Protein backbone atom coordinates (compact mmCIF):
# COMPACT_ATOMS: atom_id res chain seq x y z
CA MET A 1 115.98 -55.01 124.38
CA ILE A 2 119.39 -54.46 122.86
CA SER A 3 119.10 -53.78 119.17
CA PRO A 4 121.60 -55.42 116.74
CA MET A 5 124.23 -53.24 115.11
CA ARG A 6 125.51 -53.88 111.63
CA SER A 7 128.90 -55.59 111.60
CA THR A 8 131.65 -55.42 108.99
CA SER A 9 132.32 -58.56 107.01
CA THR A 10 135.04 -57.48 104.54
CA ILE A 11 138.35 -56.12 105.90
CA SER A 12 141.27 -54.96 103.76
CA ASP A 13 144.77 -53.79 104.73
CA ILE A 14 145.74 -51.27 102.09
CA ARG A 15 148.98 -49.44 101.37
CA THR A 16 147.88 -46.01 100.21
CA ARG A 17 148.89 -42.38 100.07
CA ILE A 18 147.52 -39.22 101.57
CA THR A 19 145.83 -37.19 98.83
CA GLU A 20 144.72 -34.15 100.84
CA ILE A 21 145.01 -32.64 104.29
CA ARG A 22 142.80 -29.73 105.21
CA PRO A 23 142.10 -27.96 108.52
CA ALA A 24 138.72 -28.57 110.18
CA GLY A 25 139.22 -26.62 113.47
CA THR A 26 141.75 -25.91 116.18
CA ASP A 27 144.28 -28.77 116.06
CA VAL A 28 141.89 -30.81 113.92
CA SER A 29 142.47 -31.97 110.33
CA ILE A 30 140.60 -33.93 107.70
CA ILE A 31 142.93 -36.45 105.99
CA SER A 32 141.91 -38.04 102.69
CA MET A 33 143.20 -41.33 101.30
CA VAL A 34 142.36 -43.44 98.26
CA CYS A 35 141.05 -46.77 99.69
CA PRO A 36 138.65 -48.24 97.16
CA GLU A 37 138.20 -51.60 98.93
CA ILE A 38 137.36 -49.88 102.24
CA ALA A 39 135.15 -47.22 100.65
CA ALA A 40 133.09 -49.90 98.84
CA THR A 41 131.92 -51.61 102.06
CA ALA A 42 132.21 -48.95 104.80
CA GLN A 43 129.13 -47.98 106.85
CA PRO A 44 128.67 -45.05 109.22
CA GLY A 45 130.19 -45.99 112.59
CA ASN A 46 132.96 -48.16 111.15
CA PHE A 47 136.59 -47.23 111.85
CA VAL A 48 140.01 -47.78 110.31
CA ASN A 49 143.37 -48.51 112.01
CA ILE A 50 146.21 -46.58 110.49
CA LYS A 51 149.92 -47.40 110.59
CA ILE A 52 151.33 -43.87 110.34
CA ASN A 53 154.77 -44.67 108.96
CA ALA A 54 157.12 -47.55 108.14
CA SER A 55 159.21 -47.17 111.32
CA ASP A 56 158.51 -48.76 114.70
CA GLN A 57 157.82 -45.37 116.27
CA PRO A 58 154.98 -45.15 116.86
CA LEU A 59 154.63 -48.90 117.03
CA LEU A 60 150.88 -49.30 117.27
CA ARG A 61 148.31 -48.28 114.72
CA ARG A 62 145.83 -45.51 115.56
CA PRO A 63 142.02 -45.96 115.21
CA PHE A 64 139.91 -43.32 113.49
CA CYS A 65 136.23 -43.52 112.67
CA ILE A 66 135.41 -42.93 109.02
CA HIS A 67 134.34 -39.30 108.58
CA ASN A 68 133.16 -39.52 104.97
CA VAL A 69 133.33 -41.60 101.84
CA ARG A 70 133.63 -39.93 98.44
CA GLY A 71 133.86 -42.51 95.66
CA ASP A 72 137.13 -44.40 96.22
CA ILE A 73 138.31 -41.83 98.87
CA ILE A 74 137.81 -42.10 102.60
CA ASP A 75 138.25 -39.19 104.98
CA VAL A 76 139.18 -39.35 108.66
CA MET A 77 139.03 -36.48 111.16
CA VAL A 78 142.11 -36.32 113.31
CA LYS A 79 142.74 -34.23 116.44
CA THR A 80 146.33 -33.70 117.47
CA VAL A 81 146.62 -35.09 120.98
CA GLY A 82 149.97 -36.92 120.99
CA ARG A 83 152.97 -37.99 118.99
CA GLY A 84 151.11 -40.38 116.67
CA THR A 85 148.38 -37.95 115.69
CA SER A 86 150.89 -35.13 115.42
CA LEU A 87 152.98 -37.14 112.95
CA LEU A 88 149.83 -37.97 110.95
CA CYS A 89 148.55 -34.38 110.80
CA GLU A 90 152.06 -33.11 109.89
CA SER A 91 152.44 -35.61 107.05
CA ALA A 92 152.81 -34.33 103.52
CA CYS A 93 150.45 -35.16 100.68
CA GLY A 94 151.85 -38.29 99.04
CA SER A 95 152.98 -39.85 102.33
CA THR A 96 152.44 -43.60 102.50
CA LEU A 97 150.17 -45.18 105.09
CA MET A 98 148.81 -48.65 105.87
CA VAL A 99 145.09 -48.57 106.42
CA LEU A 100 143.16 -51.52 107.86
CA GLY A 101 139.39 -51.47 107.57
CA PRO A 102 136.53 -51.08 107.61
CA LEU A 103 136.50 -52.32 111.24
CA GLY A 104 133.88 -52.63 113.91
CA ASN A 105 130.10 -52.46 113.62
CA ALA A 106 127.94 -49.59 112.43
CA PHE A 107 125.07 -47.41 113.49
CA GLY A 108 121.65 -49.11 113.19
CA THR A 109 119.95 -46.82 110.69
CA ASP A 110 117.60 -49.47 109.25
CA SER A 111 115.97 -50.56 112.57
CA GLY A 112 112.62 -48.95 111.61
CA ASP A 113 112.01 -47.70 115.20
CA PHE A 114 112.30 -43.95 114.53
CA ASP A 115 111.06 -41.13 112.35
CA THR A 116 113.70 -38.54 113.20
CA ALA A 117 117.37 -39.15 113.95
CA LEU A 118 119.13 -36.89 116.51
CA LEU A 119 122.85 -36.89 115.93
CA VAL A 120 124.44 -35.80 119.23
CA SER A 121 128.18 -35.16 119.46
CA GLY A 122 130.75 -33.42 121.59
CA GLY A 123 134.11 -32.16 120.41
CA ILE A 124 135.94 -34.61 118.10
CA GLY A 125 132.91 -36.87 118.53
CA THR A 126 131.49 -35.11 115.52
CA ALA A 127 133.85 -37.18 113.36
CA PRO A 128 131.43 -39.97 112.27
CA MET A 129 128.41 -37.68 111.87
CA LEU A 130 128.89 -36.47 108.27
CA PHE A 131 128.93 -40.04 106.94
CA LEU A 132 125.90 -40.87 109.11
CA GLU A 133 124.04 -37.77 107.95
CA LYS A 134 124.56 -38.78 104.30
CA LYS A 135 123.25 -42.31 104.97
CA LEU A 136 120.14 -41.01 106.77
CA ALA A 137 119.41 -38.39 104.11
CA ALA A 138 119.73 -41.01 101.33
CA ALA A 139 117.22 -43.21 103.20
CA GLY A 140 114.76 -40.27 103.50
CA TYR A 141 114.98 -39.79 107.28
CA ASP A 142 114.62 -36.48 109.02
CA PHE A 143 117.69 -35.63 111.08
CA HIS A 144 119.05 -32.91 113.32
CA HIS A 145 122.58 -32.39 114.68
CA LEU A 146 123.07 -31.38 118.29
CA VAL A 147 126.72 -30.39 118.69
CA GLY A 148 128.37 -29.46 121.98
CA GLY A 149 131.75 -28.16 123.08
CA ARG A 150 133.51 -26.34 125.84
CA THR A 151 133.77 -23.22 123.71
CA ARG A 152 133.09 -22.06 120.13
CA SER A 153 136.38 -23.38 118.77
CA ASP A 154 135.40 -26.95 119.87
CA LEU A 155 132.31 -27.03 117.58
CA LEU A 156 133.22 -29.03 114.47
CA THR A 157 130.14 -28.42 112.37
CA ARG A 158 131.73 -27.80 108.97
CA GLY A 159 129.89 -29.71 106.24
CA LEU A 160 126.98 -30.67 108.51
CA SER A 161 123.37 -29.66 107.84
CA ASN A 162 120.57 -28.71 110.26
CA CYS A 163 122.66 -28.07 113.36
CA SER A 164 121.99 -26.70 116.84
CA THR A 165 124.90 -26.01 119.13
CA SER A 166 125.77 -25.58 122.82
CA THR A 167 128.90 -24.42 124.61
CA ASP A 168 129.86 -24.60 128.28
CA ASP A 169 130.92 -20.93 128.22
CA GLY A 170 128.02 -19.63 126.10
CA SER A 171 130.27 -18.42 123.31
CA GLU A 172 127.92 -20.03 120.75
CA GLY A 173 124.47 -21.54 120.88
CA LEU A 174 122.90 -22.59 124.15
CA ARG A 175 124.95 -21.92 127.28
CA GLY A 176 125.17 -25.45 128.77
CA ASN A 177 125.94 -28.97 127.76
CA VAL A 178 124.67 -31.01 124.85
CA VAL A 179 122.30 -33.06 127.03
CA GLU A 180 120.55 -29.83 128.05
CA LEU A 181 120.45 -28.91 124.35
CA LEU A 182 118.78 -32.24 123.65
CA ARG A 183 116.25 -31.66 126.41
CA ASN A 184 115.30 -28.28 124.96
CA HIS A 185 115.04 -29.72 121.44
CA LEU A 186 112.72 -32.53 122.52
CA ALA A 187 110.52 -30.07 124.40
CA SER A 188 110.04 -28.10 121.17
CA ARG A 189 108.89 -31.08 119.11
CA PRO A 190 105.49 -32.88 119.00
CA PRO A 191 105.34 -35.85 121.38
CA SER A 192 104.14 -38.09 118.59
CA VAL A 193 107.54 -37.98 116.80
CA ARG A 194 109.64 -41.13 117.27
CA PHE A 195 113.19 -40.12 117.90
CA LYS A 196 116.39 -42.16 117.93
CA VAL A 197 119.65 -40.75 119.23
CA PHE A 198 123.02 -41.52 117.61
CA ALA A 199 125.96 -40.14 119.60
CA CYS A 200 129.73 -39.92 119.85
CA GLY A 201 131.87 -37.89 122.23
CA PRO A 202 133.67 -38.00 125.63
CA ASN A 203 132.61 -40.82 127.95
CA PRO A 204 131.13 -38.56 130.68
CA MET A 205 128.89 -36.94 128.07
CA LEU A 206 127.85 -40.32 126.64
CA LYS A 207 127.00 -41.72 130.08
CA ALA A 208 124.85 -38.68 130.94
CA LEU A 209 123.18 -38.90 127.52
CA ALA A 210 122.54 -42.62 127.89
CA ARG A 211 120.86 -42.12 131.31
CA PHE A 212 118.76 -39.26 129.87
CA CYS A 213 117.53 -41.40 126.95
CA ASN A 214 117.04 -44.53 129.10
CA GLU A 215 114.80 -42.59 131.52
CA ARG A 216 112.61 -41.47 128.59
CA SER A 217 112.67 -44.73 126.63
CA ILE A 218 114.38 -43.02 123.63
CA PRO A 219 116.43 -45.48 121.54
CA CYS A 220 120.06 -44.52 121.74
CA GLU A 221 123.26 -45.77 120.12
CA LEU A 222 126.71 -44.62 121.23
CA SER A 223 130.05 -44.79 119.46
CA LEU A 224 132.75 -45.28 122.07
CA GLU A 225 136.44 -44.54 121.81
CA SER A 226 139.31 -46.66 123.10
CA ILE A 227 142.92 -47.44 122.39
CA MET A 228 142.93 -50.13 119.70
CA GLY A 229 146.39 -51.47 118.88
CA CYS A 230 145.28 -54.17 116.40
CA GLY A 231 141.62 -53.40 115.72
CA VAL A 232 140.69 -57.11 115.36
CA GLY A 233 140.61 -58.45 118.91
CA ILE A 234 144.14 -59.87 119.26
CA CYS A 235 145.86 -57.36 121.53
CA TYR A 236 143.00 -57.03 124.11
CA GLY A 237 143.85 -53.32 124.48
CA CYS A 238 140.26 -52.07 124.01
CA MET A 239 138.44 -53.89 126.79
CA VAL A 240 135.55 -51.90 128.25
CA GLU A 241 132.99 -52.69 130.99
CA LEU A 242 129.34 -52.47 130.10
CA ASN A 243 125.93 -53.59 131.37
CA ASN A 244 124.56 -56.79 129.84
CA ALA A 245 120.88 -57.59 129.19
CA ASP A 246 120.43 -58.63 132.87
CA GLY A 247 121.91 -55.38 134.16
CA GLU A 248 125.11 -57.06 135.28
CA LYS A 249 128.60 -55.95 134.37
CA GLU A 250 130.53 -57.62 131.60
CA SER A 251 133.68 -56.82 129.66
CA ILE A 252 133.82 -56.65 125.86
CA LEU A 253 136.47 -55.95 123.26
CA LEU A 254 135.28 -52.70 121.74
CA CYS A 255 136.97 -53.39 118.40
CA ARG A 256 134.99 -56.61 117.94
CA GLU A 257 131.61 -55.83 119.57
CA GLY A 258 131.69 -52.07 119.03
CA PRO A 259 132.52 -49.34 118.68
CA VAL A 260 128.73 -48.75 118.46
CA ILE A 261 126.77 -50.02 121.46
CA ASP A 262 123.22 -49.73 122.71
CA GLY A 263 123.02 -46.81 125.12
CA SER A 264 121.31 -48.94 127.78
CA ARG A 265 124.62 -50.75 128.29
CA PHE A 266 126.46 -47.56 129.28
CA THR A 267 124.30 -45.95 131.91
CA SER A 268 126.47 -46.58 134.99
């Protein structure tokens, strides 16, 4: 059965300024902005769509999941991968942005079907996990982070609590991938514990993780990434193919029905 995800009902388009930019890892920055309307209603898993400057280059907004909320301030974690993200990370404090959000649905933390949350991430997929950790801790849930990367510099664990790590090259933590790390972690815990997996990362990692959880009947929610020009379902740029409840393929707009999906929909 596909569990419902929480959706966002209040969306604001805010002209704001960057208040702080700080490094979080190799080519990764945390960018802070005062967005009280967004901060007031945001939930872990939501994203914002940012217009980086007033010019038409780059033309489209860029989507970023909300990394943290601190009062009226929201933080996003940005990895430099192209012109748009480079311009954003190279912006000066005080630069003006247009920020649309909160968008999308959210992780289902109030489903009541788990005792311990396993927050599984790879690379920049760690971005939504600090906000999610805070929500789980406030609700009294046990949680554990399982963070993977190709090498030590890919592990973005700053600010996170209760972490285990894996790297493909063995430079930190378990030598192997994050699914192997999850397998080892589950083997070390009592079988009576009810786990739920919340994950974000590269699609190949998420598909392998979804299959692993599906085979073991472990509830699993995935936050997917896609190009999202508008963020509200107008441009049709974020269409992805998933399984429906009957196991057949169907296409959805990730900005409207995601970015968080039930893992059973992403196993093939």
